[in-house]
Amino acid sequence: MSKYLFQVNYVGEGVKGLLKDGGTKRRTVVEGLIKSMGGSVETFYYAFGDTDLYLICELPDHATATALALTVTSTGTVTLKTTVLLTPEEVDAAAKLTPAYTAPGK
């Protein structure tokens, strides 16, 4: 399982729906969505500022995360940014790899 950070912004009808349904109902809906795809929600926070909602969840793979992002954004009620989160151990494993690379101009 991989972890993902979704940064969500409500737009247009999404804002109206949030006002009508409330934050708790939206959290329940999102938890059901993530669970239906074999994942789990770790954190769910609304926020002031440039981003309306921060969601950290665990999902089986990148294809699942992509399917969720496409499904949710296709409604036109939210925009989102997806970030893959890495554990320190995953970074350690990456640091041990030796890619063949030449910098531009070298």
PDB file of N, CA and C in Angstrom:
ATOM      1  N   MET A   1       0.844  -1.181   0.000  1.00  0.00           N
ATOM      2  CA  MET A   1       0.000   0.000   0.000  1.00  0.00           C
ATOM      3  C   MET A   1       0.889   1.243   0.000  1.00  0.00           C
ATOM      4  N   SER A   2       0.423   2.251  -0.708  1.00  0.00           N
ATOM      5  CA  SER A   2       1.127   3.530  -0.791  1.00  0.00           C
ATOM      6  C   SER A   2       0.286   4.611  -0.133  1.00  0.00           C
ATOM      7  N   LYS A   3       0.974   5.645   0.351  1.00  0.00           N
ATOM      8  CA  LYS A   3       0.268   6.779   0.962  1.00  0.00           C
ATOM      9  C   LYS A   3       0.250   7.952   0.003  1.00  0.00           C
ATOM     10  N   TYR A   4      -0.863   8.685   0.052  1.00  0.00           N
ATOM     11  CA  TYR A   4      -1.065   9.828  -0.829  1.00  0.00           C
ATOM     12  C   TYR A   4      -1.609  10.998  -0.035  1.00  0.00           C
ATOM     13  N   LEU A   5      -1.174  12.187  -0.420  1.00  0.00           N
ATOM     14  CA  LEU A   5      -1.738  13.430   0.089  1.00  0.00           C
ATOM     15  C   LEU A   5      -2.580  14.022  -1.019  1.00  0.00           C
ATOM     16  N   PHE A   6      -3.860  14.211  -0.755  1.00  0.00           N
ATOM     17  CA  PHE A   6      -4.743  14.889  -1.696  1.00  0.00           C
ATOM     18  C   PHE A   6      -5.044  16.271  -1.129  1.00  0.00           C
ATOM     19  N   GLN A   7      -4.784  17.295  -1.921  1.00  0.00           N
ATOM     20  CA  GLN A   7      -5.128  18.671  -1.556  1.00  0.00           C
ATOM     21  C   GLN A   7      -6.316  19.058  -2.415  1.00  0.00           C
ATOM     22  N   VAL A   8      -7.446  19.309  -1.760  1.00  0.00           N
ATOM     23  CA  VAL A   8      -8.718  19.475  -2.448  1.00  0.00           C
ATOM     24  C   VAL A   8      -9.228  20.905  -2.290  1.00  0.00           C
ATOM     25  N   ASN A   9      -9.788  21.429  -3.364  1.00  0.00           N
ATOM     26  CA  ASN A   9     -10.482  22.720  -3.331  1.00  0.00           C
ATOM     27  C   ASN A   9     -11.880  22.537  -3.898  1.00  0.00           C
ATOM     28  N   TYR A  10     -12.862  23.007  -3.147  1.00  0.00           N
ATOM     29  CA  TYR A  10     -14.245  22.967  -3.612  1.00  0.00           C
ATOM     30  C   TYR A  10     -14.477  24.134  -4.566  1.00  0.00           C
ATOM     31  N   VAL A  11     -15.197  23.885  -5.659  1.00  0.00           N
ATOM     32  CA  VAL A  11     -15.526  24.938  -6.626  1.00  0.00           C
ATOM     33  C   VAL A  11     -17.003  24.860  -6.973  1.00  0.00           C
ATOM     34  N   GLY A  12     -17.583  26.014  -7.300  1.00  0.00           N
ATOM     35  CA  GLY A  12     -18.962  26.081  -7.780  1.00  0.00           C
ATOM     36  C   GLY A  12     -19.953  25.310  -6.938  1.00  0.00           C
ATOM     37  N   GLU A  13     -20.594  24.325  -7.551  1.00  0.00           N
ATOM     38  CA  GLU A  13     -21.609  23.518  -6.878  1.00  0.00           C
ATOM     39  C   GLU A  13     -21.029  22.720  -5.711  1.00  0.00           C
ATOM     40  N   GLY A  14     -19.726  22.457  -5.753  1.00  0.00           N
ATOM     41  CA  GLY A  14     -19.085  21.750  -4.644  1.00  0.00           C
ATOM     42  C   GLY A  14     -19.151  22.543  -3.355  1.00  0.00           C
ATOM     43  N   VAL A  15     -18.955  23.859  -3.454  1.00  0.00           N
ATOM     44  CA  VAL A  15     -19.056  24.727  -2.280  1.00  0.00           C
ATOM     45  C   VAL A  15     -20.487  24.707  -1.752  1.00  0.00           C
ATOM     46  N   LYS A  16     -21.451  24.811  -2.658  1.00  0.00           N
ATOM     47  CA  LYS A  16     -22.858  24.781  -2.244  1.00  0.00           C
ATOM     48  C   LYS A  16     -23.203  23.456  -1.578  1.00  0.00           C
ATOM     49  N   GLY A  17     -22.696  22.367  -2.132  1.00  0.00           N
ATOM     50  CA  GLY A  17     -22.944  21.046  -1.556  1.00  0.00           C
ATOM     51  C   GLY A  17     -22.330  20.898  -0.178  1.00  0.00           C
ATOM     52  N   LEU A  18     -21.120  21.429   0.003  1.00  0.00           N
ATOM     53  CA  LEU A  18     -20.476  21.384   1.315  1.00  0.00           C
ATOM     54  C   LEU A  18     -21.283  22.181   2.340  1.00  0.00           C
ATOM     55  N   LEU A  19     -21.758  23.352   1.944  1.00  0.00           N
ATOM     56  CA  LEU A  19     -22.582  24.162   2.848  1.00  0.00           C
ATOM     57  C   LEU A  19     -23.879  23.437   3.215  1.00  0.00           C
ATOM     58  N   LYS A  20     -24.469  22.752   2.244  1.00  0.00           N
ATOM     59  CA  LYS A  20     -25.729  22.041   2.481  1.00  0.00           C
ATOM     60  C   LYS A  20     -25.523  20.795   3.337  1.00  0.00           C
ATOM     61  N   ASP A  21     -24.518  19.979   2.977  1.00  0.00           N
ATOM     62  CA  ASP A  21     -24.321  18.683   3.630  1.00  0.00           C
ATOM     63  C   ASP A  21     -23.500  18.762   4.917  1.00  0.00           C
ATOM     64  N   GLY A  22     -22.573  19.714   4.984  1.00  0.00           N
ATOM     65  CA  GLY A  22     -21.686  19.817   6.132  1.00  0.00           C
ATOM     66  C   GLY A  22     -20.427  18.992   5.964  1.00  0.00           C
ATOM     67  N   GLY A  23     -19.438  19.323   6.757  1.00  0.00           N
ATOM     68  CA  GLY A  23     -18.133  18.672   6.669  1.00  0.00           C
ATOM     69  C   GLY A  23     -18.132  17.216   7.086  1.00  0.00           C
ATOM     70  N   THR A  24     -18.911  16.887   8.099  1.00  0.00           N
ATOM     71  CA  THR A  24     -18.933  15.510   8.593  1.00  0.00           C
ATOM     72  C   THR A  24     -19.480  14.548   7.550  1.00  0.00           C
ATOM     73  N   LYS A  25     -20.536  14.949   6.853  1.00  0.00           N
ATOM     74  CA  LYS A  25     -21.102  14.084   5.816  1.00  0.00           C
ATOM     75  C   LYS A  25     -20.101  13.882   4.687  1.00  0.00           C
ATOM     76  N   ARG A  26     -19.383  14.950   4.306  1.00  0.00           N
ATOM     77  CA  ARG A  26     -18.388  14.809   3.237  1.00  0.00           C
ATOM     78  C   ARG A  26     -17.281  13.862   3.674  1.00  0.00           C
ATOM     79  N   ARG A  27     -16.865  13.950   4.931  1.00  0.00           N
ATOM     80  CA  ARG A  27     -15.834  13.024   5.416  1.00  0.00           C
ATOM     81  C   ARG A  27     -16.322  11.587   5.307  1.00  0.00           C
ATOM     82  N   THR A  28     -17.575  11.343   5.697  1.00  0.00           N
ATOM     83  CA  THR A  28     -18.139   9.995   5.621  1.00  0.00           C
ATOM     84  C   THR A  28     -18.164   9.491   4.185  1.00  0.00           C
ATOM     85  N   VAL A  29     -18.549  10.365   3.255  1.00  0.00           N
ATOM     86  CA  VAL A  29     -18.581   9.993   1.839  1.00  0.00           C
ATOM     87  C   VAL A  29     -17.174   9.646   1.345  1.00  0.00           C
ATOM     88  N   VAL A  30     -16.198  10.478   1.684  1.00  0.00           N
ATOM     89  CA  VAL A  30     -14.819  10.244   1.238  1.00  0.00           C
ATOM     90  C   VAL A  30     -14.270   8.961   1.850  1.00  0.00           C
ATOM     91  N   GLU A  31     -14.535   8.725   3.120  1.00  0.00           N
ATOM     92  CA  GLU A  31     -14.077   7.485   3.752  1.00  0.00           C
ATOM     93  C   GLU A  31     -14.671   6.265   3.041  1.00  0.00           C
ATOM     94  N   GLY A  32     -15.937   6.350   2.671  1.00  0.00           N
ATOM     95  CA  GLY A  32     -16.569   5.260   1.927  1.00  0.00           C
ATOM     96  C   GLY A  32     -15.943   5.062   0.556  1.00  0.00           C
ATOM     97  N   LEU A  33     -15.641   6.162  -0.122  1.00  0.00           N
ATOM     98  CA  LEU A  33     -14.991   6.098  -1.435  1.00  0.00           C
ATOM     99  C   LEU A  33     -13.640   5.403  -1.328  1.00  0.00           C
ATOM    100  N   ILE A  34     -12.815   5.842  -0.378  1.00  0.00           N
ATOM    101  CA  ILE A  34     -11.482   5.266  -0.218  1.00  0.00           C
ATOM    102  C   ILE A  34     -11.579   3.792   0.158  1.00  0.00           C
ATOM    103  N   LYS A  35     -12.484   3.464   1.064  1.00  0.00           N
ATOM    104  CA  LYS A  35     -12.663   2.070   1.476  1.00  0.00           C
ATOM    105  C   LYS A  35     -13.118   1.202   0.311  1.00  0.00           C
ATOM    106  N   SER A  36     -13.983   1.743  -0.548  1.00  0.00           N
ATOM    107  CA  SER A  36     -14.490   0.976  -1.698  1.00  0.00           C
ATOM    108  C   SER A  36     -13.379   0.605  -2.675  1.00  0.00           C
ATOM    109  N   MET A  37     -12.264   1.318  -2.604  1.00  0.00           N
ATOM    110  CA  MET A  37     -11.129   1.045  -3.481  1.00  0.00           C
ATOM    111  C   MET A  37     -10.004   0.308  -2.743  1.00  0.00           C
ATOM    112  N   GLY A  38     -10.320  -0.237  -1.567  1.00  0.00           N
ATOM    113  CA  GLY A  38      -9.348  -1.031  -0.830  1.00  0.00           C
ATOM    114  C   GLY A  38      -8.375  -0.226   0.008  1.00  0.00           C
ATOM    115  N   GLY A  39      -8.711   1.033   0.276  1.00  0.00           N
ATOM    116  CA  GLY A  39      -7.815   1.892   1.033  1.00  0.00           C
ATOM    117  C   GLY A  39      -8.383   2.309   2.370  1.00  0.00           C
ATOM    118  N   SER A  40      -7.658   3.218   3.028  1.00  0.00           N
ATOM    119  CA  SER A  40      -8.104   3.745   4.310  1.00  0.00           C
ATOM    120  C   SER A  40      -7.677   5.204   4.437  1.00  0.00           C
ATOM    121  N   VAL A  41      -8.462   5.961   5.188  1.00  0.00           N
ATOM    122  CA  VAL A  41      -8.172   7.376   5.424  1.00  0.00           C
ATOM    123  C   VAL A  41      -7.367   7.489   6.708  1.00  0.00           C
ATOM    124  N   GLU A  42      -6.237   8.187   6.615  1.00  0.00           N
ATOM    125  CA  GLU A  42      -5.414   8.426   7.799  1.00  0.00           C
ATOM    126  C   GLU A  42      -5.759   9.760   8.444  1.00  0.00           C
ATOM    127  N   THR A  43      -5.854  10.823   7.634  1.00  0.00           N
ATOM    128  CA  THR A  43      -6.216  12.141   8.147  1.00  0.00           C
ATOM    129  C   THR A  43      -7.157  12.830   7.175  1.00  0.00           C
ATOM    130  N   PHE A  44      -8.011  13.675   7.725  1.00  0.00           N
ATOM    131  CA  PHE A  44      -8.992  14.427   6.938  1.00  0.00           C
ATOM    132  C   PHE A  44      -9.189  15.758   7.652  1.00  0.00           C
ATOM    133  N   TYR A  45      -8.619  16.827   7.095  1.00  0.00           N
ATOM    134  CA  TYR A  45      -8.703  18.140   7.729  1.00  0.00           C
ATOM    135  C   TYR A  45      -9.127  19.217   6.742  1.00  0.00           C
ATOM    136  N   TYR A  46     -10.117  20.009   7.135  1.00  0.00           N
ATOM    137  CA  TYR A  46     -10.434  21.228   6.414  1.00  0.00           C
ATOM    138  C   TYR A  46      -9.454  22.300   6.868  1.00  0.00           C
ATOM    139  N   ALA A  47      -9.226  23.312   6.016  1.00  0.00           N
ATOM    140  CA  ALA A  47      -8.246  24.339   6.353  1.00  0.00           C
ATOM    141  C   ALA A  47      -8.635  25.679   5.748  1.00  0.00           C
ATOM    142  N   PHE A  48      -8.100  26.746   6.347  1.00  0.00           N
ATOM    143  CA  PHE A  48      -8.159  28.079   5.759  1.00  0.00           C
ATOM    144  C   PHE A  48      -7.018  28.188   4.758  1.00  0.00           C
ATOM    145  N   GLY A  49      -7.117  29.124   3.818  1.00  0.00           N
ATOM    146  CA  GLY A  49      -5.995  29.377   2.922  1.00  0.00           C
ATOM    147  C   GLY A  49      -6.232  28.879   1.521  1.00  0.00           C
ATOM    148  N   ASP A  50      -5.143  28.531   0.851  1.00  0.00           N
ATOM    149  CA  ASP A  50      -5.190  28.135  -0.556  1.00  0.00           C
ATOM    150  C   ASP A  50      -5.829  26.774  -0.784  1.00  0.00           C
ATOM    151  N   THR A  51      -5.847  25.928   0.229  1.00  0.00           N
ATOM    152  CA  THR A  51      -6.392  24.581   0.106  1.00  0.00           C
ATOM    153  C   THR A  51      -7.535  24.414   1.093  1.00  0.00           C
ATOM    154  N   ASP A  52      -8.657  23.857   0.618  1.00  0.00           N
ATOM    155  CA  ASP A  52      -9.837  23.670   1.467  1.00  0.00           C
ATOM    156  C   ASP A  52      -9.765  22.410   2.316  1.00  0.00           C
ATOM    157  N   LEU A  53      -9.123  21.363   1.797  1.00  0.00           N
ATOM    158  CA  LEU A  53      -9.136  20.066   2.462  1.00  0.00           C
ATOM    159  C   LEU A  53      -7.815  19.354   2.231  1.00  0.00           C
ATOM    160  N   TYR A  54      -7.267  18.805   3.310  1.00  0.00           N
ATOM    161  CA  TYR A  54      -6.080  17.950   3.232  1.00  0.00           C
ATOM    162  C   TYR A  54      -6.499  16.546   3.627  1.00  0.00           C
ATOM    163  N   LEU A  55      -6.189  15.590   2.761  1.00  0.00           N
ATOM    164  CA  LEU A  55      -6.569  14.202   2.978  1.00  0.00           C
ATOM    165  C   LEU A  55      -5.327  13.340   2.787  1.00  0.00           C
ATOM    166  N   ILE A  56      -4.975  12.569   3.791  1.00  0.00           N
ATOM    167  CA  ILE A  56      -3.906  11.589   3.641  1.00  0.00           C
ATOM    168  C   ILE A  56      -4.561  10.225   3.735  1.00  0.00           C
ATOM    169  N   CYS A  57      -4.300   9.400   2.721  1.00  0.00           N
ATOM    170  CA  CYS A  57      -4.892   8.072   2.721  1.00  0.00           C
ATOM    171  C   CYS A  57      -3.909   7.048   2.195  1.00  0.00           C
ATOM    172  N   GLU A  58      -4.224   5.809   2.467  1.00  0.00           N
ATOM    173  CA  GLU A  58      -3.435   4.692   1.982  1.00  0.00           C
ATOM    174  C   GLU A  58      -4.266   3.982   0.921  1.00  0.00           C
ATOM    175  N   LEU A  59      -3.642   3.733  -0.220  1.00  0.00           N
ATOM    176  CA  LEU A  59      -4.324   3.072  -1.339  1.00  0.00           C
ATOM    177  C   LEU A  59      -3.435   1.972  -1.890  1.00  0.00           C
ATOM    178  N   PRO A  60      -4.033   0.985  -2.563  1.00  0.00           N
ATOM    179  CA  PRO A  60      -3.250  -0.148  -3.044  1.00  0.00           C
ATOM    180  C   PRO A  60      -2.134   0.213  -4.034  1.00  0.00           C
ATOM    181  N   ASP A  61      -2.383   1.196  -4.915  1.00  0.00           N
ATOM    182  CA  ASP A  61      -1.387   1.486  -5.944  1.00  0.00           C
ATOM    183  C   ASP A  61      -1.706   2.806  -6.642  1.00  0.00           C
ATOM    184  N   HIS A  62      -0.803   3.196  -7.552  1.00  0.00           N
ATOM    185  CA  HIS A  62      -0.977   4.466  -8.264  1.00  0.00           C
ATOM    186  C   HIS A  62      -2.198   4.448  -9.181  1.00  0.00           C
ATOM    187  N   ALA A  63      -2.514   3.291  -9.755  1.00  0.00           N
ATOM    188  CA  ALA A  63      -3.686   3.212 -10.636  1.00  0.00           C
ATOM    189  C   ALA A  63      -4.964   3.514  -9.843  1.00  0.00           C
ATOM    190  N   THR A  64      -5.027   3.020  -8.619  1.00  0.00           N
ATOM    191  CA  THR A  64      -6.188   3.285  -7.771  1.00  0.00           C
ATOM    192  C   THR A  64      -6.274   4.763  -7.435  1.00  0.00           C
ATOM    193  N   ALA A  65      -5.149   5.365  -7.080  1.00  0.00           N
ATOM    194  CA  ALA A  65      -5.125   6.800  -6.769  1.00  0.00           C
ATOM    195  C   ALA A  65      -5.553   7.615  -7.987  1.00  0.00           C
ATOM    196  N   THR A  66      -5.105   7.205  -9.154  1.00  0.00           N
ATOM    197  CA  THR A  66      -5.467   7.903 -10.382  1.00  0.00           C
ATOM    198  C   THR A  66      -6.962   7.776 -10.660  1.00  0.00           C
ATOM    199  N   ALA A  67      -7.505   6.584 -10.486  1.00  0.00           N
ATOM    200  CA  ALA A  67      -8.936   6.373 -10.704  1.00  0.00           C
ATOM    201  C   ALA A  67      -9.764   7.245  -9.769  1.00  0.00           C
ATOM    202  N   LEU A  68      -9.346   7.336  -8.508  1.00  0.00           N
ATOM    203  CA  LEU A  68     -10.057   8.193  -7.559  1.00  0.00           C
ATOM    204  C   LEU A  68      -9.995   9.648  -7.985  1.00  0.00           C
ATOM    205  N   ALA A  69      -8.806  10.108  -8.353  1.00  0.00           N
ATOM    206  CA  ALA A  69      -8.641  11.511  -8.752  1.00  0.00           C
ATOM    207  C   ALA A  69      -9.484  11.823  -9.985  1.00  0.00           C
ATOM    208  N   LEU A  70      -9.466  10.946 -10.963  1.00  0.00           N
ATOM    209  CA  LEU A  70     -10.247  11.170 -12.184  1.00  0.00           C
ATOM    210  C   LEU A  70     -11.749  11.184 -11.881  1.00  0.00           C
ATOM    211  N   THR A  71     -12.197  10.250 -11.065  1.00  0.00           N
ATOM    212  CA  THR A  71     -13.621  10.167 -10.726  1.00  0.00           C
ATOM    213  C   THR A  71     -14.091  11.418 -10.007  1.00  0.00           C
ATOM    214  N   VAL A  72     -13.328  11.845  -9.010  1.00  0.00           N
ATOM    215  CA  VAL A  72     -13.737  12.991  -8.199  1.00  0.00           C
ATOM    216  C   VAL A  72     -13.689  14.288  -9.004  1.00  0.00           C
ATOM    217  N   THR A  73     -12.616  14.507  -9.757  1.00  0.00           N
ATOM    218  CA  THR A  73     -12.509  15.758 -10.501  1.00  0.00           C
ATOM    219  C   THR A  73     -13.455  15.813 -11.698  1.00  0.00           C
ATOM    220  N   SER A  74     -13.873  14.655 -12.204  1.00  0.00           N
ATOM    221  CA  SER A  74     -14.794  14.654 -13.346  1.00  0.00           C
ATOM    222  C   SER A  74     -16.145  15.259 -12.996  1.00  0.00           C
ATOM    223  N   THR A  75     -16.463  15.373 -11.714  1.00  0.00           N
ATOM    224  CA  THR A  75     -17.735  15.964 -11.304  1.00  0.00           C
ATOM    225  C   THR A  75     -17.751  17.473 -11.501  1.00  0.00           C
ATOM    226  N   GLY A  76     -16.570  18.093 -11.575  1.00  0.00           N
ATOM    227  CA  GLY A  76     -16.488  19.535 -11.722  1.00  0.00           C
ATOM    228  C   GLY A  76     -16.760  20.292 -10.434  1.00  0.00           C
ATOM    229  N   THR A  77     -16.896  19.576  -9.316  1.00  0.00           N
ATOM    230  CA  THR A  77     -17.197  20.221  -8.034  1.00  0.00           C
ATOM    231  C   THR A  77     -15.970  20.444  -7.173  1.00  0.00           C
ATOM    232  N   VAL A  78     -14.855  19.826  -7.554  1.00  0.00           N
ATOM    233  CA  VAL A  78     -13.599  20.004  -6.824  1.00  0.00           C
ATOM    234  C   VAL A  78     -12.428  19.984  -7.794  1.00  0.00           C
ATOM    235  N   THR A  79     -11.340  20.578  -7.356  1.00  0.00           N
ATOM    236  CA  THR A  79     -10.049  20.377  -8.009  1.00  0.00           C
ATOM    237  C   THR A  79      -9.163  19.725  -6.964  1.00  0.00           C
ATOM    238  N   LEU A  80      -8.169  18.995  -7.425  1.00  0.00           N
ATOM    239  CA  LEU A  80      -7.274  18.393  -6.451  1.00  0.00           C
ATOM    240  C   LEU A  80      -5.872  18.242  -6.989  1.00  0.00           C
ATOM    241  N   LYS A  81      -4.958  18.175  -6.052  1.00  0.00           N
ATOM    242  CA  LYS A  81      -3.545  17.933  -6.330  1.00  0.00           C
ATOM    243  C   LYS A  81      -3.180  16.675  -5.558  1.00  0.00           C
ATOM    244  N   THR A  82      -2.526  15.733  -6.220  1.00  0.00           N
ATOM    245  CA  THR A  82      -2.148  14.474  -5.604  1.00  0.00           C
ATOM    246  C   THR A  82      -0.638  14.422  -5.427  1.00  0.00           C
ATOM    247  N   THR A  83      -0.200  14.050  -4.226  1.00  0.00           N
ATOM    248  CA  THR A  83       1.221  13.887  -3.938  1.00  0.00           C
ATOM    249  C   THR A  83       1.444  12.490  -3.378  1.00  0.00           C
ATOM    250  N   VAL A  84       2.387  11.752  -3.970  1.00  0.00           N
ATOM    251  CA  VAL A  84       2.765  10.450  -3.439  1.00  0.00           C
ATOM    252  C   VAL A  84       3.678  10.692  -2.240  1.00  0.00           C
ATOM    253  N   LEU A  85       3.371  10.057  -1.118  1.00  0.00           N
ATOM    254  CA  LEU A  85       4.175  10.207   0.091  1.00  0.00           C
ATOM    255  C   LEU A  85       5.102   9.003   0.251  1.00  0.00           C
ATOM    256  N   LEU A  86       6.341   9.275   0.642  1.00  0.00           N
ATOM    257  CA  LEU A  86       7.349   8.226   0.797  1.00  0.00           C
ATOM    258  C   LEU A  86       7.771   8.093   2.252  1.00  0.00           C
ATOM    259  N   THR A  87       8.013   6.871   2.676  1.00  0.00           N
ATOM    260  CA  THR A  87       8.540   6.641   4.021  1.00  0.00           C
ATOM    261  C   THR A  87      10.048   6.889   4.015  1.00  0.00           C
ATOM    262  N   PRO A  88      10.649   7.117   5.180  1.00  0.00           N
ATOM    263  CA  PRO A  88      12.100   7.246   5.237  1.00  0.00           C
ATOM    264  C   PRO A  88      12.808   6.008   4.682  1.00  0.00           C
ATOM    265  N   GLU A  89      12.229   4.836   4.904  1.00  0.00           N
ATOM    266  CA  GLU A  89      12.825   3.598   4.383  1.00  0.00           C
ATOM    267  C   GLU A  89      12.805   3.556   2.859  1.00  0.00           C
ATOM    268  N   GLU A  90      11.755   4.080   2.252  1.00  0.00           N
ATOM    269  CA  GLU A  90      11.706   4.134   0.788  1.00  0.00           C
ATOM    270  C   GLU A  90      12.762   5.087   0.246  1.00  0.00           C
ATOM    271  N   VAL A  91      13.002   6.177   0.941  1.00  0.00           N
ATOM    272  CA  VAL A  91      14.052   7.112   0.534  1.00  0.00           C
ATOM    273  C   VAL A  91      15.413   6.450   0.701  1.00  0.00           C
ATOM    274  N   ASP A  92      15.608   5.698   1.789  1.00  0.00           N
ATOM    275  CA  ASP A  92      16.866   4.967   1.987  1.00  0.00           C
ATOM    276  C   ASP A  92      17.122   4.006   0.824  1.00  0.00           C
ATOM    277  N   ALA A  93      16.090   3.268   0.431  1.00  0.00           N
ATOM    278  CA  ALA A  93      16.227   2.322  -0.683  1.00  0.00           C
ATOM    279  C   ALA A  93      16.560   3.052  -1.972  1.00  0.00           C
ATOM    280  N   ALA A  94      15.920   4.201  -2.206  1.00  0.00           N
ATOM    281  CA  ALA A  94      16.198   4.978  -3.414  1.00  0.00           C
ATOM    282  C   ALA A  94      17.631   5.504  -3.409  1.00  0.00           C
ATOM    283  N   ALA A  95      18.131   5.904  -2.238  1.00  0.00           N
ATOM    284  CA  ALA A  95      19.482   6.453  -2.137  1.00  0.00           C
ATOM    285  C   ALA A  95      20.547   5.405  -2.463  1.00  0.00           C
ATOM    286  N   LYS A  96      20.213   4.124  -2.344  1.00  0.00           N
ATOM    287  CA  LYS A  96      21.162   3.045  -2.635  1.00  0.00           C
ATOM    288  C   LYS A  96      21.218   2.694  -4.115  1.00  0.00           C
ATOM    289  N   LEU A  97      20.282   3.198  -4.889  1.00  0.00           N
ATOM    290  CA  LEU A  97      20.263   2.932  -6.332  1.00  0.00           C
ATOM    291  C   LEU A  97      21.272   3.834  -7.029  1.00  0.00           C
ATOM    292  N   THR A  98      21.798   3.387  -8.149  1.00  0.00           N
ATOM    293  CA  THR A  98      22.796   4.181  -8.888  1.00  0.00           C
ATOM    294  C   THR A  98      22.375   4.335 -10.347  1.00  0.00           C
ATOM    295  N   PRO A  99      21.503   5.289 -10.613  1.00  0.00           N
ATOM    296  CA  PRO A  99      21.068   5.520 -11.992  1.00  0.00           C
ATOM    297  C   PRO A  99      22.225   6.016 -12.867  1.00  0.00           C
ATOM    298  N   ALA A 100      22.232   5.626 -14.119  1.00  0.00           N
ATOM    299  CA  ALA A 100      23.216   6.131 -15.086  1.00  0.00           C
ATOM    300  C   ALA A 100      22.677   7.440 -15.625  1.00  0.00           C
ATOM    301  N   TYR A 101      23.385   8.533 -15.352  1.00  0.00           N
ATOM    302  CA  TYR A 101      22.880   9.855 -15.762  1.00  0.00           C
ATOM    303  C   TYR A 101      24.051  10.773 -16.015  1.00  0.00           C
ATOM    304  N   THR A 102      23.908  11.588 -17.048  1.00  0.00           N
ATOM    305  CA  THR A 102      24.877  12.644 -17.325  1.00  0.00           C
ATOM    306  C   THR A 102      24.114  13.958 -17.340  1.00  0.00           C
ATOM    307  N   ALA A 103      24.590  14.919 -16.549  1.00  0.00           N
ATOM    308  CA  ALA A 103      23.949  16.238 -16.483  1.00  0.00           C
ATOM    309  C   ALA A 103      24.093  16.963 -17.817  1.00  0.00           C
ATOM    310  N   PRO A 104      23.131  17.823 -18.166  1.00  0.00           N
ATOM    311  CA  PRO A 104      23.223  18.582 -19.410  1.00  0.00           C
ATOM    312  C   PRO A 104      24.531  19.382 -19.458  1.00  0.00           C
ATOM    313  N   GLY A 105      25.195  19.345 -20.602  1.00  0.00           N
ATOM    314  CA  GLY A 105      26.419  20.103 -20.791  1.00  0.00           C
ATOM    315  C   GLY A 105      27.653  19.446 -20.214  1.00  0.00           C
ATOM    316  N   LYS A 106      27.566  18.255 -19.697  1.00  0.00           N
ATOM    317  CA  LYS A 106      28.732  17.569 -19.098  1.00  0.00           C
ATOM    318  C   LYS A 106      29.291  16.524 -20.018  1.00  0.00           C
TER     319      LYS A 106
END
